[in-house]
Amino acid sequence: MFAALWRASIWHPDAIPPDEWKFRNLKRVALPVYDLVAIGGGIWAACFGSPVLRALFEQHVIDMAGIALAVSALVCLLGVIFPRLWRWEIAGKVTLVALLAAYAAAVALFRTNPDPSAGFAAFVLVLALPLPIFRLSLLGEEIKDRREEEV
């Protein structure tokens, strides 16, 4: 069973074709680490909340957002680790981007008592968006390439 999981994983030597080797560290290191950090962030939010969001939402809403972040990042991680689950990764990444963008927008735009220092939190959240958006772009290219090969 472990041998089959290893063969199906992104870390197997044959998982990445030679023409895509320039992305091997992205796929094998950066994306899994990113997803693990996002899982941790979601768990942290669900367990301890967010002072910035407490000014806007009830604790149960923050808890649900944290759980949604952790679950979407876990789905992303599974899609990264097992390339055959690329559809899962797309669904997870779209959800992850939407959650982070909504969080940034809530922090920046919907504060009842606007505080300029909250802008920093919004910038940090936006900083977390380029990598998953770039990955979605790569997945789109991979889909296009698969369709061209089928023709």
Protein backbone atom coordinates (compact mmCIF):
# COMPACT_ATOMS: atom_id res chain seq x y z
CA MET A 1 0.00 0.00 0.00
CA PHE A 2 2.78 2.45 0.91
CA ALA A 3 4.56 1.65 -2.36
CA ALA A 4 1.42 2.52 -4.31
CA LEU A 5 1.02 5.80 -2.41
CA TRP A 6 4.69 6.61 -3.05
CA ARG A 7 4.29 5.95 -6.79
CA ALA A 8 1.20 8.17 -6.89
CA SER A 9 2.87 11.02 -4.98
CA ILE A 10 4.58 14.12 -6.31
CA TRP A 11 7.81 12.97 -4.67
CA HIS A 12 8.15 9.85 -6.80
CA PRO A 13 11.04 10.27 -9.27
CA ASP A 14 8.71 9.78 -12.26
CA ALA A 15 5.98 12.15 -11.02
CA ILE A 16 7.30 15.21 -12.84
CA PRO A 17 8.20 14.96 -16.53
CA PRO A 18 11.67 16.30 -17.43
CA ASP A 19 10.18 19.24 -19.36
CA GLU A 20 8.49 20.42 -16.13
CA TRP A 21 11.53 20.07 -13.86
CA LYS A 22 11.76 23.81 -13.45
CA PHE A 23 8.61 23.49 -11.31
CA ARG A 24 9.72 20.49 -9.23
CA ASN A 25 10.61 22.50 -6.11
CA LEU A 26 7.36 24.42 -6.41
CA LYS A 27 5.36 21.19 -6.57
CA ARG A 28 7.39 19.18 -4.07
CA VAL A 29 8.23 21.82 -1.49
CA ALA A 30 6.64 25.28 -1.81
CA LEU A 31 3.04 24.23 -2.45
CA PRO A 32 2.91 21.55 0.26
CA VAL A 33 4.49 23.92 2.79
CA TYR A 34 2.07 26.69 1.81
CA ASP A 35 -0.88 24.35 2.25
CA LEU A 36 0.41 23.11 5.61
CA VAL A 37 0.76 26.71 6.81
CA ALA A 38 -2.78 27.46 5.59
CA ILE A 39 -4.08 24.38 7.43
CA GLY A 40 -2.33 25.62 10.57
CA GLY A 41 -3.79 29.09 10.11
CA GLY A 42 -7.29 27.71 9.74
CA ILE A 43 -6.92 25.55 12.84
CA TRP A 44 -5.49 28.49 14.76
CA ALA A 45 -8.41 30.71 13.72
CA ALA A 46 -10.92 28.06 14.75
CA CYS A 47 -9.22 27.51 18.13
CA PHE A 48 -8.23 31.06 19.06
CA GLY A 49 -10.11 33.39 16.71
CA SER A 50 -8.88 36.63 15.20
CA PRO A 51 -8.88 39.97 17.01
CA VAL A 52 -9.45 41.80 13.73
CA LEU A 53 -12.43 39.63 12.80
CA ARG A 54 -13.95 39.77 16.28
CA ALA A 55 -14.79 43.41 15.58
CA LEU A 56 -16.85 42.27 12.60
CA PHE A 57 -18.28 38.82 13.27
CA GLU A 58 -19.57 36.51 15.96
CA GLN A 59 -17.08 33.89 17.17
CA HIS A 60 -18.96 31.02 15.48
CA VAL A 61 -18.56 32.74 12.09
CA ILE A 62 -14.82 33.08 12.69
CA ASP A 63 -14.67 29.42 13.75
CA MET A 64 -16.45 28.33 10.56
CA ALA A 65 -14.14 30.47 8.42
CA GLY A 66 -11.13 28.89 10.14
CA ILE A 67 -12.50 25.40 9.58
CA ALA A 68 -13.26 26.24 5.94
CA LEU A 69 -9.69 27.51 5.49
CA ALA A 70 -8.20 24.38 7.07
CA VAL A 71 -10.40 22.02 5.03
CA SER A 72 -9.80 23.82 1.74
CA ALA A 73 -6.05 23.83 2.39
CA LEU A 74 -6.16 20.11 3.23
CA VAL A 75 -7.94 19.45 -0.07
CA CYS A 76 -5.24 21.54 -1.81
CA LEU A 77 -2.52 19.56 -0.07
CA LEU A 78 -4.00 16.24 -1.17
CA GLY A 79 -4.21 17.55 -4.74
CA VAL A 80 -0.58 18.69 -4.65
CA ILE A 81 0.70 15.45 -3.12
CA PHE A 82 -1.29 13.23 -5.48
CA PRO A 83 -1.35 14.83 -8.95
CA ARG A 84 -4.25 12.64 -10.09
CA LEU A 85 -6.39 14.62 -7.65
CA TRP A 86 -5.84 17.82 -9.64
CA ARG A 87 -9.59 18.52 -9.72
CA TRP A 88 -9.58 18.54 -5.91
CA GLU A 89 -6.65 20.91 -5.92
CA ILE A 90 -8.47 23.31 -8.24
CA ALA A 91 -11.58 23.28 -6.04
CA GLY A 92 -9.46 23.75 -2.92
CA LYS A 93 -7.35 26.56 -4.42
CA VAL A 94 -10.40 28.47 -5.67
CA THR A 95 -11.96 28.18 -2.21
CA LEU A 96 -8.70 29.15 -0.51
CA VAL A 97 -8.27 32.23 -2.72
CA ALA A 98 -11.89 33.24 -2.12
CA LEU A 99 -11.53 32.89 1.66
CA LEU A 100 -8.28 34.86 1.80
CA ALA A 101 -9.62 37.57 -0.50
CA ALA A 102 -12.83 37.83 1.53
CA TYR A 103 -10.81 38.06 4.74
CA ALA A 104 -8.63 40.81 3.27
CA ALA A 105 -11.68 42.68 1.99
CA ALA A 106 -13.43 42.38 5.36
CA VAL A 107 -10.38 43.72 7.17
CA ALA A 108 -9.82 46.57 4.73
CA LEU A 109 -13.37 47.65 3.94
CA PHE A 110 -15.87 46.65 6.57
CA ARG A 111 -14.39 47.75 9.85
CA THR A 112 -17.00 49.58 11.93
CA ASN A 113 -14.29 51.77 13.39
CA PRO A 114 -11.66 52.07 10.65
CA ASP A 115 -8.14 51.80 11.93
CA PRO A 116 -5.30 52.44 9.47
CA SER A 117 -3.20 49.74 11.13
CA ALA A 118 -5.74 47.12 9.97
CA GLY A 119 -4.50 47.86 6.45
CA PHE A 120 -1.30 46.00 7.25
CA ALA A 121 -3.27 42.83 7.97
CA ALA A 122 -5.10 43.24 4.66
CA PHE A 123 -1.79 43.64 2.80
CA VAL A 124 -0.38 40.51 4.44
CA LEU A 125 -3.49 38.56 3.44
CA VAL A 126 -3.22 39.79 -0.14
CA LEU A 127 0.43 38.74 -0.08
CA ALA A 128 -0.81 35.17 0.41
CA LEU A 129 -2.79 35.22 -2.87
CA PRO A 130 -0.22 35.15 -5.71
CA LEU A 131 1.07 31.60 -5.11
CA PRO A 132 -2.31 29.84 -5.24
CA ILE A 133 -3.40 32.02 -8.16
CA PHE A 134 -0.18 31.11 -10.01
CA ARG A 135 -0.81 27.44 -9.24
CA LEU A 136 -4.33 27.71 -10.66
CA SER A 137 -2.79 29.16 -13.81
CA LEU A 138 -0.38 26.21 -14.05
CA LEU A 139 -3.20 23.74 -13.52
CA GLY A 140 -5.13 25.45 -16.31
CA GLU A 141 -2.15 25.05 -18.64
CA GLU A 142 -1.87 21.38 -17.69
CA ILE A 143 -5.56 20.87 -18.51
CA LYS A 144 -5.06 22.57 -21.87
CA ASP A 145 -2.03 20.36 -22.61
CA ARG A 146 -3.98 17.20 -21.72
CA ARG A 147 -6.81 18.21 -24.05
CA GLU A 148 -4.36 18.88 -26.89
CA GLU A 149 -2.78 15.44 -26.37
CA GLU A 150 -6.22 13.79 -26.56
CA VAL A 151 -6.95 15.34 -29.96
